[in-house]
Amino acid sequence: MFPLRMIVDVKNGEEIAAVTQEAFQSEPKDENWLWHLRFGHLNFGGLNLLSRKGMVRGLPLIEKPDSLCGGCILGKQHRESFPSGKSIRAKASLEIVHSDLCGLVQTPSLTGSHYILTFIDDFTRKTWVYFLKNKSEVFEKFCNFKALVENQSGQHIKVLRTDRGGEYISKEFLCFCRENGIHKQFTTRYTLQQNGVAKRKNRTIMDMAKSMLKAKHLPNDYWAKAVHYAVYILNRCPTKVVMNRVPEEAWSGRKQGVTHMKVFRCVAYAHIPDQLRKKLDNKGEKCISIGYSEESKAYKSYNPSTKKLIVSRDV
């Protein structure tokens, strides 16, 4: 058997593959190629430098030939670098929405969730988070998210950018997007960098949530409460791509107050309404603060003893 050697000739800017069969004893006619092979496919720039600088003895002047080495292509081909700051930015709310599913979280949350689903508006960088027990819930949560944000903003989702996870490429999901005029953009295989906005946001959220959990020595099943709290905070933190405004203000148009903010897991005494207690009962119950309600102007507290979530403004 003779080995196969493939060389790609470059003619008029086009690469034409040519496979030749040679005996072991044969040598390439071009001395440049001979030294290329002798040096284990070292690039011609390196060979030229060796010869010009006289770094070794016995090596003639090497010039780069007008063809490419098939062995180098097969053995050295690498991925193109990802340009920084070159991606297309949205010019209005919901023009581009990034989404990613984070999980499986081994420890179930207090409500039994194992997954974190995030949606990030590219223009304002506001983030929405949903907690799922199963991946199959992604489509339902997206429908809920779409109805909410389109009603709030008066805009329509134009592009949804995700990876190629099965939860995003189901027939039901793709059909819904086509019917509603939503252009689906997917990453190419094993190229998570193309969904970098969502990936980086998820990492930031999880890092903040873990920091709050560890600082207060809370068990891991409180992770969903910490994640929700982190998203609330990050929507009120500066981001490089939104100048002089926090994401929540960029989305709603209203400057956000922060005097109501409390430390995660600080002690909170929630008032017990008259209707829920007797004459001699305590007027408050000791809880821990776990965030702020999005439905009411109130705090969210959790009673570890009764395992009840309390939403109250009187805390």
C-alpha atoms as a PDB file:
ATOM      1  CA  MET A   1       0.000   0.000   0.000  1.00  0.00           C
ATOM      2  CA  PHE A   2       1.214   3.491  -0.807  1.00  0.00           C
ATOM      3  CA  PRO A   3       0.338   6.446   1.421  1.00  0.00           C
ATOM      4  CA  LEU A   4      -1.969   9.165   0.160  1.00  0.00           C
ATOM      5  CA  ARG A   5      -0.808  12.758   0.186  1.00  0.00           C
ATOM      6  CA  MET A   6      -3.284  15.565  -0.410  1.00  0.00           C
ATOM      7  CA  ILE A   7      -2.191  19.026  -1.530  1.00  0.00           C
ATOM      8  CA  VAL A   8      -4.576  21.878  -2.162  1.00  0.00           C
ATOM      9  CA  ASP A   9      -3.499  24.081  -5.048  1.00  0.00           C
ATOM     10  CA  VAL A  10      -4.462  27.704  -4.829  1.00  0.00           C
ATOM     11  CA  LYS A  11      -5.410  29.069  -8.243  1.00  0.00           C
ATOM     12  CA  ASN A  12      -7.228  32.317  -8.820  1.00  0.00           C
ATOM     13  CA  GLY A  13      -8.235  32.448  -5.187  1.00  0.00           C
ATOM     14  CA  GLU A  14      -9.841  28.980  -5.257  1.00  0.00           C
ATOM     15  CA  GLU A  15      -8.673  25.886  -3.416  1.00  0.00           C
ATOM     16  CA  ILE A  16      -8.648  22.733  -5.580  1.00  0.00           C
ATOM     17  CA  ALA A  17      -8.060  19.413  -3.799  1.00  0.00           C
ATOM     18  CA  ALA A  18      -5.724  16.939  -5.484  1.00  0.00           C
ATOM     19  CA  VAL A  19      -4.857  13.577  -3.925  1.00  0.00           C
ATOM     20  CA  THR A  20      -1.676  11.898  -5.157  1.00  0.00           C
ATOM     21  CA  GLN A  21      -0.313   8.473  -4.380  1.00  0.00           C
ATOM     22  CA  GLU A  22       3.392   8.153  -3.699  1.00  0.00           C
ATOM     23  CA  ALA A  23       5.804   5.418  -2.678  1.00  0.00           C
ATOM     24  CA  PHE A  24       7.604   5.708   0.644  1.00  0.00           C
ATOM     25  CA  GLN A  25      10.896   6.089  -1.210  1.00  0.00           C
ATOM     26  CA  SER A  26       9.757   8.979  -3.359  1.00  0.00           C
ATOM     27  CA  GLU A  27      10.552  12.556  -2.383  1.00  0.00           C
ATOM     28  CA  PRO A  28       8.660  15.739  -3.173  1.00  0.00           C
ATOM     29  CA  LYS A  29      10.138  17.558  -6.135  1.00  0.00           C
ATOM     30  CA  ASP A  30       9.899  20.897  -4.356  1.00  0.00           C
ATOM     31  CA  GLU A  31      12.655  21.227  -1.744  1.00  0.00           C
ATOM     32  CA  ASN A  32      10.448  23.558   0.261  1.00  0.00           C
ATOM     33  CA  TRP A  33       7.957  20.729   0.750  1.00  0.00           C
ATOM     34  CA  LEU A  34      10.761  18.304   1.612  1.00  0.00           C
ATOM     35  CA  TRP A  35      11.916  20.447   4.526  1.00  0.00           C
ATOM     36  CA  HIS A  36       8.303  21.060   5.545  1.00  0.00           C
ATOM     37  CA  LEU A  37       7.870  17.301   5.923  1.00  0.00           C
ATOM     38  CA  ARG A  38      11.276  16.811   7.553  1.00  0.00           C
ATOM     39  CA  PHE A  39      10.339  19.378  10.224  1.00  0.00           C
ATOM     40  CA  GLY A  40       7.077  17.573  11.033  1.00  0.00           C
ATOM     41  CA  HIS A  41       4.831  19.974   9.094  1.00  0.00           C
ATOM     42  CA  LEU A  42       6.290  23.090  10.696  1.00  0.00           C
ATOM     43  CA  ASN A  43       4.695  26.163   9.134  1.00  0.00           C
ATOM     44  CA  PHE A  44       6.629  27.819   6.316  1.00  0.00           C
ATOM     45  CA  GLY A  45       6.934  31.056   8.253  1.00  0.00           C
ATOM     46  CA  GLY A  46       8.896  29.205  10.914  1.00  0.00           C
ATOM     47  CA  LEU A  47      11.055  27.448   8.326  1.00  0.00           C
ATOM     48  CA  ASN A  48      11.784  30.736   6.561  1.00  0.00           C
ATOM     49  CA  LEU A  49      12.782  32.319   9.874  1.00  0.00           C
ATOM     50  CA  LEU A  50      15.164  29.428  10.642  1.00  0.00           C
ATOM     51  CA  SER A  51      16.900  29.767   7.287  1.00  0.00           C
ATOM     52  CA  ARG A  52      17.042  33.591   7.159  1.00  0.00           C
ATOM     53  CA  LYS A  53      18.393  33.988  10.692  1.00  0.00           C
ATOM     54  CA  GLY A  54      20.806  31.093  10.336  1.00  0.00           C
ATOM     55  CA  MET A  55      19.492  29.471  13.488  1.00  0.00           C
ATOM     56  CA  VAL A  56      20.520  26.025  12.215  1.00  0.00           C
ATOM     57  CA  ARG A  57      23.189  24.736   9.805  1.00  0.00           C
ATOM     58  CA  GLY A  58      22.367  23.005   6.521  1.00  0.00           C
ATOM     59  CA  LEU A  59      18.905  24.494   5.938  1.00  0.00           C
ATOM     60  CA  PRO A  60      18.566  26.314   2.570  1.00  0.00           C
ATOM     61  CA  LEU A  61      16.450  29.400   2.103  1.00  0.00           C
ATOM     62  CA  ILE A  62      12.804  28.341   2.376  1.00  0.00           C
ATOM     63  CA  GLU A  63      10.022  30.048   0.446  1.00  0.00           C
ATOM     64  CA  LYS A  64       6.313  29.518   0.967  1.00  0.00           C
ATOM     65  CA  PRO A  65       4.818  27.556  -1.972  1.00  0.00           C
ATOM     66  CA  ASP A  66       1.536  28.407  -3.706  1.00  0.00           C
ATOM     67  CA  SER A  67      -0.272  25.350  -2.359  1.00  0.00           C
ATOM     68  CA  LEU A  68      -1.547  24.073   0.954  1.00  0.00           C
ATOM     69  CA  CYS A  69      -0.632  20.880   2.759  1.00  0.00           C
ATOM     70  CA  GLY A  70      -3.524  18.467   3.193  1.00  0.00           C
ATOM     71  CA  GLY A  71      -1.941  16.976   6.306  1.00  0.00           C
ATOM     72  CA  CYS A  72      -1.758  20.410   7.936  1.00  0.00           C
ATOM     73  CA  ILE A  73      -5.392  21.123   7.066  1.00  0.00           C
ATOM     74  CA  LEU A  74      -6.573  17.860   8.604  1.00  0.00           C
ATOM     75  CA  GLY A  75      -4.276  18.009  11.613  1.00  0.00           C
ATOM     76  CA  LYS A  76      -4.123  21.708  12.481  1.00  0.00           C
ATOM     77  CA  GLN A  77      -7.444  23.249  11.457  1.00  0.00           C
ATOM     78  CA  HIS A  78      -8.795  25.411  14.255  1.00  0.00           C
ATOM     79  CA  ARG A  79     -11.892  27.468  14.949  1.00  0.00           C
ATOM     80  CA  GLU A  80     -12.041  31.093  13.952  1.00  0.00           C
ATOM     81  CA  SER A  81     -11.811  33.527  16.864  1.00  0.00           C
ATOM     82  CA  PHE A  82     -14.986  35.203  18.063  1.00  0.00           C
ATOM     83  CA  PRO A  83     -14.810  38.975  17.527  1.00  0.00           C
ATOM     84  CA  SER A  84     -15.367  41.006  20.684  1.00  0.00           C
ATOM     85  CA  GLY A  85     -18.072  43.654  20.645  1.00  0.00           C
ATOM     86  CA  LYS A  86     -18.973  43.035  16.995  1.00  0.00           C
ATOM     87  CA  SER A  87     -22.411  41.433  17.410  1.00  0.00           C
ATOM     88  CA  ILE A  88     -25.465  43.253  16.135  1.00  0.00           C
ATOM     89  CA  ARG A  89     -27.255  45.181  18.887  1.00  0.00           C
ATOM     90  CA  ALA A  90     -31.004  45.692  19.016  1.00  0.00           C
ATOM     91  CA  LYS A  91     -32.271  49.236  18.523  1.00  0.00           C
ATOM     92  CA  ALA A  92     -35.598  48.778  20.331  1.00  0.00           C
ATOM     93  CA  SER A  93     -37.144  46.660  23.065  1.00  0.00           C
ATOM     94  CA  LEU A  94     -37.911  43.025  22.104  1.00  0.00           C
ATOM     95  CA  GLU A  95     -36.114  43.347  18.768  1.00  0.00           C
ATOM     96  CA  ILE A  96     -33.825  40.552  19.997  1.00  0.00           C
ATOM     97  CA  VAL A  97     -34.495  38.330  23.002  1.00  0.00           C
ATOM     98  CA  HIS A  98     -31.855  35.949  24.344  1.00  0.00           C
ATOM     99  CA  SER A  99     -32.836  32.829  26.239  1.00  0.00           C
ATOM    100  CA  ASP A 100     -31.098  29.957  27.960  1.00  0.00           C
ATOM    101  CA  LEU A 101     -32.058  27.033  30.167  1.00  0.00           C
ATOM    102  CA  CYS A 102     -29.751  26.458  33.133  1.00  0.00           C
ATOM    103  CA  GLY A 103     -29.746  23.127  34.957  1.00  0.00           C
ATOM    104  CA  LEU A 104     -30.097  20.389  35.971  1.00  0.00           C
ATOM    105  CA  VAL A 105     -29.726  21.690  39.562  1.00  0.00           C
ATOM    106  CA  GLN A 106     -29.271  18.551  41.628  1.00  0.00           C
ATOM    107  CA  THR A 107     -30.886  19.988  44.763  1.00  0.00           C
ATOM    108  CA  PRO A 108     -34.596  20.724  44.206  1.00  0.00           C
ATOM    109  CA  SER A 109     -35.799  24.148  45.275  1.00  0.00           C
ATOM    110  CA  LEU A 110     -38.346  24.620  48.042  1.00  0.00           C
ATOM    111  CA  THR A 111     -41.065  24.286  45.383  1.00  0.00           C
ATOM    112  CA  GLY A 112     -39.434  21.308  43.627  1.00  0.00           C
ATOM    113  CA  SER A 113     -37.831  23.117  40.677  1.00  0.00           C
ATOM    114  CA  HIS A 114     -34.663  21.856  38.997  1.00  0.00           C
ATOM    115  CA  TYR A 115     -34.179  24.308  36.088  1.00  0.00           C
ATOM    116  CA  ILE A 116     -33.744  28.055  35.588  1.00  0.00           C
ATOM    117  CA  LEU A 117     -35.123  29.649  32.412  1.00  0.00           C
ATOM    118  CA  THR A 118     -34.013  33.178  31.617  1.00  0.00           C
ATOM    119  CA  PHE A 119     -35.053  35.698  28.983  1.00  0.00           C
ATOM    120  CA  ILE A 120     -32.919  38.803  28.357  1.00  0.00           C
ATOM    121  CA  ASP A 121     -34.021  41.751  26.245  1.00  0.00           C
ATOM    122  CA  ASP A 122     -31.015  42.739  24.138  1.00  0.00           C
ATOM    123  CA  PHE A 123     -31.824  46.460  24.017  1.00  0.00           C
ATOM    124  CA  THR A 124     -32.459  47.107  27.725  1.00  0.00           C
ATOM    125  CA  ARG A 125     -30.742  44.001  29.180  1.00  0.00           C
ATOM    126  CA  LYS A 126     -33.701  43.492  31.523  1.00  0.00           C
ATOM    127  CA  THR A 127     -33.926  39.874  32.659  1.00  0.00           C
ATOM    128  CA  TRP A 128     -36.913  37.670  33.444  1.00  0.00           C
ATOM    129  CA  VAL A 129     -36.515  34.350  35.247  1.00  0.00           C
ATOM    130  CA  TYR A 130     -38.760  31.279  35.515  1.00  0.00           C
ATOM    131  CA  PHE A 131     -38.278  28.117  37.550  1.00  0.00           C
ATOM    132  CA  LEU A 132     -39.130  24.756  36.002  1.00  0.00           C
ATOM    133  CA  LYS A 133     -39.506  21.232  37.302  1.00  0.00           C
ATOM    134  CA  ASN A 134     -39.035  19.733  33.823  1.00  0.00           C
ATOM    135  CA  LYS A 135     -37.578  20.876  30.489  1.00  0.00           C
ATOM    136  CA  SER A 136     -40.939  20.266  28.842  1.00  0.00           C
ATOM    137  CA  GLU A 137     -42.267  23.428  30.535  1.00  0.00           C
ATOM    138  CA  VAL A 138     -40.065  25.747  28.446  1.00  0.00           C
ATOM    139  CA  PHE A 139     -42.639  26.309  25.690  1.00  0.00           C
ATOM    140  CA  GLU A 140     -45.409  27.132  28.182  1.00  0.00           C
ATOM    141  CA  LYS A 141     -43.169  29.610  30.016  1.00  0.00           C
ATOM    142  CA  PHE A 142     -42.176  31.268  26.742  1.00  0.00           C
ATOM    143  CA  CYS A 143     -45.838  31.765  25.837  1.00  0.00           C
ATOM    144  CA  ASN A 144     -46.426  33.365  29.247  1.00  0.00           C
ATOM    145  CA  PHE A 145     -43.340  35.548  28.843  1.00  0.00           C
ATOM    146  CA  LYS A 146     -44.342  36.650  25.336  1.00  0.00           C
ATOM    147  CA  ALA A 147     -47.835  37.681  26.441  1.00  0.00           C
ATOM    148  CA  LEU A 148     -46.450  39.594  29.430  1.00  0.00           C
ATOM    149  CA  VAL A 149     -43.699  41.607  27.753  1.00  0.00           C
ATOM    150  CA  GLU A 150     -45.613  42.399  24.571  1.00  0.00           C
ATOM    151  CA  ASN A 151     -48.528  43.704  26.609  1.00  0.00           C
ATOM    152  CA  GLN A 152     -46.223  45.779  28.828  1.00  0.00           C
ATOM    153  CA  SER A 153     -44.154  47.301  26.046  1.00  0.00           C
ATOM    154  CA  GLY A 154     -46.566  47.475  23.125  1.00  0.00           C
ATOM    155  CA  GLN A 155     -43.805  45.883  21.020  1.00  0.00           C
ATOM    156  CA  HIS A 156     -43.541  42.400  19.532  1.00  0.00           C
ATOM    157  CA  ILE A 157     -40.738  39.869  19.848  1.00  0.00           C
ATOM    158  CA  LYS A 158     -38.938  39.815  16.505  1.00  0.00           C
ATOM    159  CA  VAL A 159     -35.946  37.530  17.112  1.00  0.00           C
ATOM    160  CA  LEU A 160     -35.453  34.793  19.694  1.00  0.00           C
ATOM    161  CA  ARG A 161     -31.831  33.669  20.054  1.00  0.00           C
ATOM    162  CA  THR A 162     -31.158  30.335  21.783  1.00  0.00           C
ATOM    163  CA  ASP A 163     -28.958  27.272  21.630  1.00  0.00           C
ATOM    164  CA  ARG A 164     -30.087  24.063  19.942  1.00  0.00           C
ATOM    165  CA  GLY A 165     -31.407  22.385  23.061  1.00  0.00           C
ATOM    166  CA  GLY A 166     -34.324  20.044  22.432  1.00  0.00           C
ATOM    167  CA  GLU A 167     -36.620  22.295  24.460  1.00  0.00           C
ATOM    168  CA  TYR A 168     -36.151  25.072  21.862  1.00  0.00           C
ATOM    169  CA  ILE A 169     -36.368  23.055  18.640  1.00  0.00           C
ATOM    170  CA  SER A 170     -39.556  21.078  19.262  1.00  0.00           C
ATOM    171  CA  LYS A 171     -42.125  21.158  16.463  1.00  0.00           C
ATOM    172  CA  GLU A 172     -44.589  22.902  18.774  1.00  0.00           C
ATOM    173  CA  PHE A 173     -42.119  25.672  19.582  1.00  0.00           C
ATOM    174  CA  LEU A 174     -40.969  26.207  15.986  1.00  0.00           C
ATOM    175  CA  CYS A 175     -44.534  26.203  14.653  1.00  0.00           C
ATOM    176  CA  PHE A 176     -45.579  28.787  17.251  1.00  0.00           C
ATOM    177  CA  CYS A 177     -42.682  31.067  16.281  1.00  0.00           C
ATOM    178  CA  ARG A 178     -43.515  30.826  12.565  1.00  0.00           C
ATOM    179  CA  GLU A 179     -47.175  31.612  13.189  1.00  0.00           C
ATOM    180  CA  ASN A 180     -46.264  34.656  15.284  1.00  0.00           C
ATOM    181  CA  GLY A 181     -43.574  35.987  12.962  1.00  0.00           C
ATOM    182  CA  ILE A 182     -40.722  35.325  15.397  1.00  0.00           C
ATOM    183  CA  HIS A 183     -37.400  34.642  13.716  1.00  0.00           C
ATOM    184  CA  LYS A 184     -35.554  31.867  15.553  1.00  0.00           C
ATOM    185  CA  GLN A 185     -31.775  32.181  15.675  1.00  0.00           C
ATOM    186  CA  PHE A 186     -29.785  29.139  16.829  1.00  0.00           C
ATOM    187  CA  THR A 187     -26.159  28.691  17.752  1.00  0.00           C
ATOM    188  CA  THR A 188     -24.122  26.318  15.618  1.00  0.00           C
ATOM    189  CA  ARG A 189     -23.163  23.026  17.238  1.00  0.00           C
ATOM    190  CA  TYR A 190     -20.867  23.281  20.264  1.00  0.00           C
ATOM    191  CA  THR A 191     -20.654  27.053  19.839  1.00  0.00           C
ATOM    192  CA  LEU A 192     -22.108  28.452  23.038  1.00  0.00           C
ATOM    193  CA  GLN A 193     -20.281  31.751  22.422  1.00  0.00           C
ATOM    194  CA  GLN A 194     -22.960  32.694  19.880  1.00  0.00           C
ATOM    195  CA  ASN A 195     -25.471  32.807  22.744  1.00  0.00           C
ATOM    196  CA  GLY A 196     -23.014  34.628  24.964  1.00  0.00           C
ATOM    197  CA  VAL A 197     -25.441  37.220  26.365  1.00  0.00           C
ATOM    198  CA  ALA A 198     -27.642  34.566  27.957  1.00  0.00           C
ATOM    199  CA  LYS A 199     -24.707  32.381  29.052  1.00  0.00           C
ATOM    200  CA  ARG A 200     -22.912  35.259  30.750  1.00  0.00           C
ATOM    201  CA  LYS A 201     -26.092  36.470  32.403  1.00  0.00           C
ATOM    202  CA  ASN A 202     -26.831  33.017  33.817  1.00  0.00           C
ATOM    203  CA  ARG A 203     -23.311  32.795  35.192  1.00  0.00           C
ATOM    204  CA  THR A 204     -23.617  36.234  36.818  1.00  0.00           C
ATOM    205  CA  ILE A 205     -26.974  35.312  38.342  1.00  0.00           C
ATOM    206  CA  MET A 206     -25.711  32.012  39.739  1.00  0.00           C
ATOM    207  CA  ASP A 207     -22.531  33.580  41.127  1.00  0.00           C
ATOM    208  CA  MET A 208     -24.544  36.239  42.960  1.00  0.00           C
ATOM    209  CA  ALA A 209     -27.091  33.716  44.223  1.00  0.00           C
ATOM    210  CA  LYS A 210     -24.389  31.365  45.532  1.00  0.00           C
ATOM    211  CA  SER A 211     -22.596  34.253  47.236  1.00  0.00           C
ATOM    212  CA  MET A 212     -25.763  35.247  49.095  1.00  0.00           C
ATOM    213  CA  LEU A 213     -26.493  31.652  50.092  1.00  0.00           C
ATOM    214  CA  LYS A 214     -22.985  31.013  51.393  1.00  0.00           C
ATOM    215  CA  ALA A 215     -22.729  34.335  53.222  1.00  0.00           C
ATOM    216  CA  LYS A 216     -25.901  33.554  55.181  1.00  0.00           C
ATOM    217  CA  HIS A 217     -25.188  29.817  55.610  1.00  0.00           C
ATOM    218  CA  LEU A 218     -28.488  28.826  54.026  1.00  0.00           C
ATOM    219  CA  PRO A 219     -29.091  25.263  52.783  1.00  0.00           C
ATOM    220  CA  ASN A 220     -28.940  24.676  49.028  1.00  0.00           C
ATOM    221  CA  ASP A 221     -32.702  24.188  48.654  1.00  0.00           C
ATOM    222  CA  TYR A 222     -33.057  27.989  48.988  1.00  0.00           C
ATOM    223  CA  TRP A 223     -31.278  28.470  45.638  1.00  0.00           C
ATOM    224  CA  ALA A 224     -34.408  29.510  43.703  1.00  0.00           C
ATOM    225  CA  LYS A 225     -35.185  32.253  46.246  1.00  0.00           C
ATOM    226  CA  ALA A 226     -31.618  33.518  45.939  1.00  0.00           C
ATOM    227  CA  VAL A 227     -31.753  33.428  42.115  1.00  0.00           C
ATOM    228  CA  HIS A 228     -35.016  35.394  42.043  1.00  0.00           C
ATOM    229  CA  TYR A 229     -33.502  37.923  44.455  1.00  0.00           C
ATOM    230  CA  ALA A 230     -30.354  38.178  42.310  1.00  0.00           C
ATOM    231  CA  VAL A 231     -32.356  38.884  39.134  1.00  0.00           C
ATOM    232  CA  TYR A 232     -34.282  41.632  40.934  1.00  0.00           C
ATOM    233  CA  ILE A 233     -30.981  43.215  42.007  1.00  0.00           C
ATOM    234  CA  LEU A 234     -29.254  42.865  38.616  1.00  0.00           C
ATOM    235  CA  ASN A 235     -32.161  44.619  36.905  1.00  0.00           C
ATOM    236  CA  ARG A 236     -31.231  47.593  39.089  1.00  0.00           C
ATOM    237  CA  CYS A 237     -27.476  47.418  38.518  1.00  0.00           C
ATOM    238  CA  PRO A 238     -25.421  49.175  35.815  1.00  0.00           C
ATOM    239  CA  THR A 239     -24.443  47.313  32.667  1.00  0.00           C
ATOM    240  CA  LYS A 240     -21.893  48.357  30.047  1.00  0.00           C
ATOM    241  CA  VAL A 241     -24.197  48.216  27.039  1.00  0.00           C
ATOM    242  CA  VAL A 242     -26.895  50.483  28.543  1.00  0.00           C
ATOM    243  CA  MET A 243     -25.520  53.941  29.173  1.00  0.00           C
ATOM    244  CA  ASN A 244     -26.492  55.883  32.326  1.00  0.00           C
ATOM    245  CA  ARG A 245     -29.539  53.737  33.053  1.00  0.00           C
ATOM    246  CA  VAL A 246     -30.204  50.483  34.831  1.00  0.00           C
ATOM    247  CA  PRO A 247     -32.065  47.774  32.839  1.00  0.00           C
ATOM    248  CA  GLU A 248     -35.328  48.256  34.742  1.00  0.00           C
ATOM    249  CA  GLU A 249     -35.416  51.975  33.923  1.00  0.00           C
ATOM    250  CA  ALA A 250     -34.452  51.316  30.297  1.00  0.00           C
ATOM    251  CA  TRP A 251     -37.385  48.905  30.060  1.00  0.00           C
ATOM    252  CA  SER A 252     -40.061  50.811  32.004  1.00  0.00           C
ATOM    253  CA  GLY A 253     -38.905  54.389  31.515  1.00  0.00           C
ATOM    254  CA  ARG A 254     -39.106  55.032  35.276  1.00  0.00           C
ATOM    255  CA  LYS A 255     -36.135  55.719  37.531  1.00  0.00           C
ATOM    256  CA  GLN A 256     -35.914  53.050  40.211  1.00  0.00           C
ATOM    257  CA  GLY A 257     -35.799  53.687  43.964  1.00  0.00           C
ATOM    258  CA  VAL A 258     -33.651  51.491  46.200  1.00  0.00           C
ATOM    259  CA  THR A 259     -34.471  52.660  49.738  1.00  0.00           C
ATOM    260  CA  HIS A 260     -36.733  49.636  50.209  1.00  0.00           C
ATOM    261  CA  MET A 261     -33.983  47.106  49.541  1.00  0.00           C
ATOM    262  CA  LYS A 262     -32.924  44.807  52.380  1.00  0.00           C
ATOM    263  CA  VAL A 263     -30.192  42.224  52.875  1.00  0.00           C
ATOM    264  CA  PHE A 264     -31.069  38.753  51.635  1.00  0.00           C
ATOM    265  CA  ARG A 265     -31.995  36.456  54.524  1.00  0.00           C
ATOM    266  CA  CYS A 266     -32.111  39.235  57.117  1.00  0.00           C
ATOM    267  CA  VAL A 267     -34.558  38.701  60.001  1.00  0.00           C
ATOM    268  CA  ALA A 268     -38.027  40.041  59.185  1.00  0.00           C
ATOM    269  CA  TYR A 269     -41.078  40.238  61.421  1.00  0.00           C
ATOM    270  CA  ALA A 270     -44.219  40.060  59.299  1.00  0.00           C
ATOM    271  CA  HIS A 271     -47.381  41.548  60.759  1.00  0.00           C
ATOM    272  CA  ILE A 272     -50.258  39.125  61.315  1.00  0.00           C
ATOM    273  CA  PRO A 273     -53.594  40.745  60.287  1.00  0.00           C
ATOM    274  CA  ASP A 274     -56.336  40.992  62.884  1.00  0.00           C
ATOM    275  CA  GLN A 275     -58.465  38.592  60.853  1.00  0.00           C
ATOM    276  CA  LEU A 276     -55.871  35.801  61.272  1.00  0.00           C
ATOM    277  CA  ARG A 277     -55.226  35.997  65.032  1.00  0.00           C
ATOM    278  CA  LYS A 278     -57.001  35.958  68.347  1.00  0.00           C
ATOM    279  CA  LYS A 279     -56.860  38.529  71.111  1.00  0.00           C
ATOM    280  CA  LEU A 280     -53.788  37.156  72.873  1.00  0.00           C
ATOM    281  CA  ASP A 281     -51.915  35.873  69.810  1.00  0.00           C
ATOM    282  CA  ASN A 282     -48.656  37.413  68.637  1.00  0.00           C
ATOM    283  CA  LYS A 283     -49.057  40.344  66.269  1.00  0.00           C
ATOM    284  CA  GLY A 284     -46.037  39.325  64.208  1.00  0.00           C
ATOM    285  CA  GLU A 285     -44.142  36.216  63.156  1.00  0.00           C
ATOM    286  CA  LYS A 286     -40.395  35.854  62.791  1.00  0.00           C
ATOM    287  CA  CYS A 287     -39.315  35.140  59.201  1.00  0.00           C
ATOM    288  CA  ILE A 288     -36.384  35.679  56.871  1.00  0.00           C
ATOM    289  CA  SER A 289     -36.458  38.180  54.020  1.00  0.00           C
ATOM    290  CA  ILE A 290     -36.203  36.527  50.589  1.00  0.00           C
ATOM    291  CA  GLY A 291     -37.074  39.338  48.208  1.00  0.00           C
ATOM    292  CA  TYR A 292     -39.766  41.577  46.855  1.00  0.00           C
ATOM    293  CA  SER A 293     -43.123  40.838  45.318  1.00  0.00           C
ATOM    294  CA  GLU A 294     -43.659  41.623  41.643  1.00  0.00           C
ATOM    295  CA  GLU A 295     -47.446  41.417  41.987  1.00  0.00           C
ATOM    296  CA  SER A 296     -47.828  43.658  45.054  1.00  0.00           C
ATOM    297  CA  LYS A 297     -46.003  46.548  46.666  1.00  0.00           C
ATOM    298  CA  ALA A 298     -44.761  44.285  49.417  1.00  0.00           C
ATOM    299  CA  TYR A 299     -41.933  42.199  50.791  1.00  0.00           C
ATOM    300  CA  LYS A 300     -41.654  38.452  50.433  1.00  0.00           C
ATOM    301  CA  SER A 301     -40.727  36.606  53.612  1.00  0.00           C
ATOM    302  CA  TYR A 302     -40.369  32.941  54.433  1.00  0.00           C
ATOM    303  CA  ASN A 303     -41.189  31.270  57.730  1.00  0.00           C
ATOM    304  CA  PRO A 304     -38.820  28.277  58.091  1.00  0.00           C
ATOM    305  CA  SER A 305     -40.905  26.824  60.919  1.00  0.00           C
ATOM    306  CA  THR A 306     -44.215  26.706  59.065  1.00  0.00           C
ATOM    307  CA  LYS A 307     -42.596  26.579  55.572  1.00  0.00           C
ATOM    308  CA  LYS A 308     -44.990  29.294  54.409  1.00  0.00           C
ATOM    309  CA  LEU A 309     -44.294  32.168  52.028  1.00  0.00           C
ATOM    310  CA  ILE A 310     -45.653  35.480  53.301  1.00  0.00           C
ATOM    311  CA  VAL A 311     -46.249  38.551  51.132  1.00  0.00           C
ATOM    312  CA  SER A 312     -46.787  41.633  53.284  1.00  0.00           C
ATOM    313  CA  ARG A 313     -46.098  45.357  53.239  1.00  0.00           C
ATOM    314  CA  ASP A 314     -46.110  45.478  57.038  1.00  0.00           C
ATOM    315  CA  VAL A 315     -42.694  44.017  57.781  1.00  0.00           C
END
